[in-house]
Amino acid sequence: MTQIAFSKRLAHAIQLKKEKDYENAWHAFQELAASNPKSSYFWGNFAHLAFLMKRLNEARQYAETALALAPHDEFLRSIYVQILLAQKELEKALPLATEVLTRKFHRHILRNLFKLAEQNRKLPLLDNLFSELESLYRRRMDFLQIAAEFYHRLGQKEKALAIYQKLVAARPDDDFIYNRFIDLKIEGLSLQERIRHLENLLKIPSRAHNVHLLGLLAREYRKAGQLEKAEPLQQRILQLAPGNLYQRKQMGFTHLKKKDWDTAVHLLQDCLLEDPDDVYVRNALLKAFRGKGDKQGALELIQKILVRYPDKKQYYGIRRKVEKWEI
């Protein structure tokens, strides 16, 4: 194949990727890969496609091939970091993530790095990185938002509050940031004090439809066992923000406590399909499926997850356990 023909076919494959026609893009890239091109651009785009398709093992292989050809390419390095994070390799990802983030801010990389460190209970590993990034990006609101959450999770409440105060001052109409600020401020108060504080805030006309504050109050009602107050609030939240998966999840948990298995399954299925690593949602869903005696429904959901996320091998073991249910 001539270089001109290769370039045209590669441009077509990349266009298919941009159009999210992933299956046809995959076949186009596979055909081009048969000639084993010495092109970091080709292998980098193939790696990116594999990553988008959740084919992480292939994505890693192609990214490493691309990096061997162009080890300092910023796009390739950022893709490789994302692959390592998706494969839960925190220690291997951290040095490269540090290099990438100190050259250019990538919100999704920092967010996923933070999430993985938190899952592994290794947040202190990121302390030096956040200190370095703070000196570089102290005026970036998207960085400060992640930093405030990081310091909160790390147990440095005063530092987190100081950052949230800066964020609230810069974005007074941002309900989500305001919610985080309030949530941290009421931390440490008694349950009844938190409920009273939130109820009073929601009496302010400008805050009455704040989805995040309503969600906080619903959470506190659930903690107090006041499900009869939590449920109407959650219904109101889903009316105001029907696509909010977090609030959908919380309402699913409420119905699980009430042993309303059908509604719990209805609310939580989409949440697990969006994030199959959420152990709390997964366990809640399995409990709901078992409660309603629907082994087949559970198996069908597991199959959907395996089709969408072929690297989630743990679901094969979960499927075997579900197949042994006695309904």
Protein backbone atom coordinates (compact mmCIF):
# COMPACT_ATOMS: atom_id res chain seq x y z
CA MET A 1 0.00 0.00 0.00
CA THR A 2 1.37 3.40 -0.95
CA GLN A 3 1.79 6.09 1.69
CA ILE A 4 -0.91 8.20 0.01
CA ALA A 5 -3.40 5.30 0.05
CA PHE A 6 -2.52 4.54 3.69
CA SER A 7 -3.05 8.17 4.70
CA LYS A 8 -6.45 8.31 3.00
CA ARG A 9 -7.64 5.11 4.65
CA LEU A 10 -6.33 6.27 8.02
CA ALA A 11 -8.15 9.59 7.65
CA HIS A 12 -11.35 7.64 6.93
CA ALA A 13 -10.84 5.40 9.99
CA ILE A 14 -10.28 8.44 12.21
CA GLN A 15 -13.43 10.07 10.82
CA LEU A 16 -15.41 6.94 11.73
CA LYS A 17 -13.98 7.20 15.25
CA LYS A 18 -15.01 10.87 15.47
CA GLU A 19 -18.52 9.91 14.34
CA LYS A 20 -18.59 7.23 17.09
CA ASP A 21 -19.03 4.47 14.52
CA TYR A 22 -16.66 2.43 16.62
CA GLU A 23 -17.22 -1.04 15.14
CA ASN A 24 -16.53 0.05 11.58
CA ALA A 25 -13.63 2.19 12.77
CA TRP A 26 -12.20 -0.87 14.54
CA HIS A 27 -12.30 -2.95 11.36
CA ALA A 28 -10.70 -0.13 9.39
CA PHE A 29 -7.86 0.21 11.90
CA GLN A 30 -7.35 -3.56 12.02
CA GLU A 31 -6.93 -3.72 8.25
CA LEU A 32 -4.35 -0.94 8.36
CA ALA A 33 -2.54 -2.55 11.32
CA ALA A 34 -1.88 -5.68 9.25
CA SER A 35 0.85 -3.76 7.42
CA ASN A 36 2.51 -2.98 10.80
CA PRO A 37 2.99 0.74 10.07
CA LYS A 38 5.81 2.59 11.85
CA SER A 39 3.52 5.51 12.64
CA SER A 40 2.98 6.79 16.16
CA TYR A 41 0.00 8.77 14.85
CA PHE A 42 -1.67 5.57 13.62
CA TRP A 43 -1.00 3.55 16.78
CA GLY A 44 -1.99 6.45 19.01
CA ASN A 45 -5.35 6.78 17.28
CA PHE A 46 -5.87 3.02 17.39
CA ALA A 47 -5.09 3.08 21.12
CA HIS A 48 -7.58 5.92 21.60
CA LEU A 49 -10.28 3.97 19.74
CA ALA A 50 -9.61 0.85 21.84
CA PHE A 51 -9.81 2.98 24.99
CA LEU A 52 -13.15 4.46 23.91
CA MET A 53 -14.43 0.93 23.28
CA LYS A 54 -13.25 -0.20 26.76
CA ARG A 55 -10.83 -2.66 25.14
CA LEU A 56 -8.16 -1.74 27.62
CA ASN A 57 -5.63 -4.52 27.00
CA GLU A 58 -5.45 -3.68 23.30
CA ALA A 59 -5.46 0.04 24.09
CA ARG A 60 -2.42 -0.40 26.31
CA GLN A 61 -0.58 -2.50 23.72
CA TYR A 62 -1.16 0.04 20.95
CA ALA A 63 -0.29 3.00 23.19
CA GLU A 64 3.00 1.36 24.16
CA THR A 65 3.76 0.73 20.48
CA ALA A 66 3.06 4.40 19.73
CA LEU A 67 5.18 5.62 22.64
CA ALA A 68 8.11 3.48 21.53
CA LEU A 69 8.01 5.49 18.28
CA ALA A 70 7.35 8.91 19.88
CA PRO A 71 8.12 8.75 23.63
CA HIS A 72 7.65 12.48 24.26
CA ASP A 73 4.36 12.98 22.42
CA GLU A 74 1.96 14.70 24.86
CA PHE A 75 -1.21 13.22 23.37
CA LEU A 76 0.17 9.68 23.55
CA ARG A 77 1.34 10.16 27.13
CA SER A 78 -2.05 11.47 28.19
CA ILE A 79 -3.85 8.53 26.54
CA TYR A 80 -1.45 6.06 28.18
CA VAL A 81 -2.08 7.58 31.62
CA GLN A 82 -5.83 7.27 31.11
CA ILE A 83 -5.43 3.61 30.17
CA LEU A 84 -3.29 2.88 33.24
CA LEU A 85 -5.86 4.56 35.47
CA ALA A 86 -8.70 2.61 33.86
CA GLN A 87 -6.69 -0.57 34.57
CA LYS A 88 -6.37 0.52 38.24
CA GLU A 89 -2.55 0.76 38.12
CA LEU A 90 -2.14 3.72 40.47
CA GLU A 91 1.57 3.46 41.27
CA LYS A 92 2.54 3.03 37.62
CA ALA A 93 0.26 5.87 36.49
CA LEU A 94 1.27 8.43 39.13
CA PRO A 95 4.77 9.44 37.87
CA LEU A 96 3.59 9.84 34.28
CA ALA A 97 0.38 11.58 35.40
CA THR A 98 2.52 14.04 37.37
CA GLU A 99 4.61 14.84 34.30
CA VAL A 100 1.53 15.23 32.09
CA LEU A 101 -0.42 17.37 34.57
CA THR A 102 2.45 19.73 35.33
CA ARG A 103 2.82 20.44 31.61
CA LYS A 104 -0.89 20.86 30.88
CA PHE A 105 -4.00 20.62 33.04
CA HIS A 106 -6.25 17.65 32.22
CA ARG A 107 -9.30 17.68 34.44
CA HIS A 108 -10.38 14.11 33.63
CA ILE A 109 -6.91 12.71 34.35
CA LEU A 110 -6.67 14.42 37.74
CA ARG A 111 -10.24 13.43 38.60
CA ASN A 112 -9.65 9.76 37.73
CA LEU A 113 -6.31 9.74 39.54
CA PHE A 114 -7.99 11.12 42.66
CA LYS A 115 -10.83 8.61 42.38
CA LEU A 116 -8.46 5.65 42.06
CA ALA A 117 -6.28 6.80 44.97
CA GLU A 118 -9.38 7.16 47.11
CA GLN A 119 -10.60 3.69 46.15
CA ASN A 120 -7.19 2.24 47.08
CA ARG A 121 -7.06 4.29 50.31
CA LYS A 122 -3.82 5.89 49.15
CA LEU A 123 -4.80 9.57 49.00
CA PRO A 124 -1.59 10.72 50.79
CA LEU A 125 0.34 9.60 47.68
CA LEU A 126 -1.18 12.59 45.88
CA ASP A 127 -0.36 15.23 48.49
CA ASN A 128 2.87 16.41 46.81
CA LEU A 129 1.20 16.43 43.40
CA PHE A 130 -1.66 18.65 44.57
CA SER A 131 0.78 21.02 46.25
CA GLU A 132 2.72 21.34 43.00
CA LEU A 133 -0.42 21.77 40.91
CA GLU A 134 -1.75 24.41 43.29
CA SER A 135 1.24 26.61 42.52
CA LEU A 136 0.59 26.19 38.79
CA TYR A 137 -3.20 26.34 38.58
CA ARG A 138 -4.32 28.35 41.61
CA ARG A 139 -6.56 30.51 39.39
CA ARG A 140 -8.23 27.61 37.58
CA MET A 141 -11.68 26.98 39.03
CA ASP A 142 -11.85 23.43 37.68
CA PHE A 143 -8.59 22.56 39.45
CA LEU A 144 -9.60 24.27 42.70
CA GLN A 145 -12.86 22.33 42.76
CA ILE A 146 -11.00 19.01 42.65
CA ALA A 147 -8.39 20.28 45.12
CA ALA A 148 -11.07 21.27 47.66
CA GLU A 149 -12.59 17.82 47.45
CA PHE A 150 -9.15 16.21 47.72
CA TYR A 151 -8.19 18.08 50.89
CA HIS A 152 -11.60 17.32 52.38
CA ARG A 153 -11.11 13.59 51.77
CA LEU A 154 -7.56 13.84 53.08
CA GLY A 155 -8.91 15.23 56.36
CA GLN A 156 -7.59 18.77 55.92
CA LYS A 157 -10.96 20.42 56.52
CA GLU A 158 -9.76 23.99 57.06
CA LYS A 159 -7.76 23.98 53.83
CA ALA A 160 -10.73 22.56 51.94
CA LEU A 161 -13.07 25.20 53.43
CA ALA A 162 -10.68 28.00 52.43
CA ILE A 163 -10.70 26.78 48.83
CA TYR A 164 -14.48 26.43 48.79
CA GLN A 165 -14.85 29.96 50.12
CA LYS A 166 -12.73 31.18 47.21
CA LEU A 167 -14.86 29.17 44.78
CA VAL A 168 -18.16 30.45 46.20
CA ALA A 169 -16.90 34.04 45.97
CA ALA A 170 -15.86 33.51 42.34
CA ARG A 171 -19.03 31.64 41.35
CA PRO A 172 -21.86 32.73 43.65
CA ASP A 173 -24.52 31.22 41.36
CA ASP A 174 -22.92 27.77 41.13
CA ASP A 175 -25.29 25.61 43.17
CA PHE A 176 -23.02 22.56 43.10
CA ILE A 177 -20.04 24.39 44.60
CA TYR A 178 -22.29 26.05 47.17
CA ASN A 179 -23.62 22.62 48.12
CA ARG A 180 -20.12 21.25 48.70
CA PHE A 181 -19.28 24.28 50.83
CA ILE A 182 -22.41 23.86 52.98
CA ASP A 183 -21.91 20.10 53.28
CA LEU A 184 -18.43 20.68 54.67
CA LYS A 185 -19.55 23.49 56.97
CA ILE A 186 -22.23 21.37 58.66
CA GLU A 187 -19.89 18.41 59.02
CA GLY A 188 -19.45 17.69 62.72
CA LEU A 189 -22.84 19.06 63.76
CA SER A 190 -25.40 16.71 65.26
CA LEU A 191 -27.89 15.09 62.88
CA GLN A 192 -30.79 17.27 64.08
CA GLU A 193 -28.62 20.41 63.81
CA ARG A 194 -27.73 19.53 60.22
CA ILE A 195 -31.39 18.98 59.36
CA ARG A 196 -32.45 22.32 60.90
CA HIS A 197 -29.62 24.16 59.15
CA LEU A 198 -30.56 22.75 55.74
CA GLU A 199 -34.28 23.30 56.26
CA ASN A 200 -33.57 26.96 57.06
CA LEU A 201 -31.37 27.39 53.98
CA LEU A 202 -34.08 25.97 51.74
CA LYS A 203 -36.55 28.56 53.07
CA ILE A 204 -34.48 31.23 51.30
CA PRO A 205 -36.28 31.85 47.96
CA SER A 206 -33.08 31.80 45.92
CA ARG A 207 -32.15 28.40 47.39
CA ALA A 208 -35.59 26.74 47.41
CA HIS A 209 -34.99 24.85 44.14
CA ASN A 210 -31.33 24.05 44.74
CA VAL A 211 -31.15 20.38 43.75
CA HIS A 212 -27.94 19.81 45.69
CA LEU A 213 -29.27 21.28 48.94
CA LEU A 214 -32.47 19.27 48.54
CA GLY A 215 -30.29 16.19 48.08
CA LEU A 216 -28.34 16.96 51.25
CA LEU A 217 -31.55 17.32 53.25
CA ALA A 218 -32.94 14.07 51.80
CA ARG A 219 -29.70 12.36 52.83
CA GLU A 220 -30.01 13.63 56.40
CA TYR A 221 -33.65 12.56 56.56
CA ARG A 222 -32.58 9.06 55.50
CA LYS A 223 -29.91 8.98 58.19
CA ALA A 224 -32.57 9.96 60.73
CA GLY A 225 -34.82 7.16 59.48
CA GLN A 226 -37.38 9.70 58.25
CA LEU A 227 -38.03 8.01 54.91
CA GLU A 228 -41.49 9.57 54.69
CA LYS A 229 -39.73 12.96 54.42
CA ALA A 230 -36.81 11.82 52.27
CA GLU A 231 -38.88 10.21 49.49
CA PRO A 232 -40.96 13.29 48.48
CA LEU A 233 -37.78 15.36 48.40
CA GLN A 234 -36.08 12.84 46.12
CA GLN A 235 -39.08 12.76 43.80
CA ARG A 236 -38.92 16.55 43.60
CA ILE A 237 -35.19 16.37 42.86
CA LEU A 238 -35.72 13.95 39.97
CA GLN A 239 -38.42 16.24 38.57
CA LEU A 240 -36.01 19.18 38.71
CA ALA A 241 -33.03 17.16 37.39
CA PRO A 242 -34.28 13.94 35.73
CA GLY A 243 -30.83 13.02 34.40
CA ASN A 244 -29.03 13.28 37.74
CA LEU A 245 -27.63 9.77 38.29
CA TYR A 246 -26.36 10.54 41.79
CA GLN A 247 -29.82 11.54 43.00
CA ARG A 248 -31.35 8.59 41.15
CA LYS A 249 -28.96 6.38 43.06
CA GLN A 250 -29.93 7.91 46.40
CA MET A 251 -33.62 7.43 45.69
CA GLY A 252 -32.90 3.82 44.72
CA PHE A 253 -31.28 3.26 48.11
CA THR A 254 -34.35 4.73 49.81
CA HIS A 255 -36.65 2.29 48.01
CA LEU A 256 -34.28 -0.55 48.84
CA LYS A 257 -34.66 0.25 52.55
CA LYS A 258 -38.43 0.15 52.09
CA LYS A 259 -38.08 -3.24 50.34
CA ASP A 260 -39.72 -1.75 47.26
CA TRP A 261 -37.65 -4.04 45.06
CA ASP A 262 -39.20 -3.13 41.69
CA THR A 263 -38.63 0.60 42.06
CA ALA A 264 -35.12 0.06 43.44
CA VAL A 265 -34.19 -2.03 40.39
CA HIS A 266 -35.75 0.50 38.02
CA LEU A 267 -33.78 3.37 39.55
CA LEU A 268 -30.42 1.65 40.04
CA GLN A 269 -29.96 -0.27 36.78
CA ASP A 270 -28.87 2.77 34.77
CA CYS A 271 -26.51 3.82 37.57
CA LEU A 272 -24.67 0.49 37.45
CA LEU A 273 -24.52 0.53 33.65
CA GLU A 274 -22.94 3.98 33.89
CA ASP A 275 -20.43 2.93 36.57
CA PRO A 276 -20.05 -0.88 36.88
CA ASP A 277 -17.32 -0.43 39.53
CA ASP A 278 -19.77 1.09 42.04
CA VAL A 279 -19.86 -1.72 44.59
CA TYR A 280 -22.62 -0.11 46.65
CA VAL A 281 -24.98 0.14 43.68
CA ARG A 282 -24.08 -3.37 42.53
CA ASN A 283 -24.75 -4.93 45.94
CA ALA A 284 -27.99 -2.97 46.30
CA LEU A 285 -29.17 -4.11 42.87
CA LEU A 286 -28.36 -7.76 43.53
CA LYS A 287 -30.26 -7.52 46.83
CA ALA A 288 -33.24 -5.96 45.02
CA PHE A 289 -33.23 -8.57 42.23
CA ARG A 290 -33.06 -11.35 44.80
CA GLY A 291 -35.78 -9.69 46.89
CA LYS A 292 -38.17 -9.65 43.93
CA GLY A 293 -37.15 -13.18 42.90
CA ASP A 294 -35.86 -12.08 39.50
CA LYS A 295 -32.76 -14.15 38.78
CA GLN A 296 -33.24 -13.74 35.02
CA GLY A 297 -33.34 -9.94 35.28
CA ALA A 298 -30.07 -9.95 37.22
CA LEU A 299 -28.40 -12.21 34.65
CA GLU A 300 -29.61 -10.02 31.76
CA LEU A 301 -28.16 -6.91 33.43
CA ILE A 302 -24.83 -8.65 34.04
CA GLN A 303 -24.73 -9.65 30.36
CA LYS A 304 -25.34 -6.03 29.32
CA ILE A 305 -22.41 -4.95 31.49
CA LEU A 306 -20.10 -7.61 30.02
CA VAL A 307 -21.02 -6.55 26.48
CA ARG A 308 -20.48 -2.87 27.22
CA TYR A 309 -17.40 -3.38 29.43
CA PRO A 310 -15.58 -6.55 28.26
CA ASP A 311 -12.69 -5.90 30.66
CA LYS A 312 -14.91 -6.13 33.77
CA LYS A 313 -13.95 -9.77 34.31
CA GLN A 314 -15.26 -9.75 37.90
CA TYR A 315 -18.78 -9.93 36.48
CA TYR A 316 -18.16 -13.48 35.26
CA GLY A 317 -17.72 -14.52 38.90
CA ILE A 318 -20.77 -12.50 39.93
CA ARG A 319 -22.78 -14.21 37.19
CA ARG A 320 -21.78 -17.65 38.50
CA LYS A 321 -22.97 -16.67 41.98
CA VAL A 322 -26.30 -15.38 40.66
CA GLU A 323 -26.81 -18.60 38.65
CA LYS A 324 -26.70 -20.50 41.97
CA TRP A 325 -29.48 -18.42 43.53
CA GLU A 326 -32.41 -20.47 44.76
CA ILE A 327 -35.48 -18.35 44.12
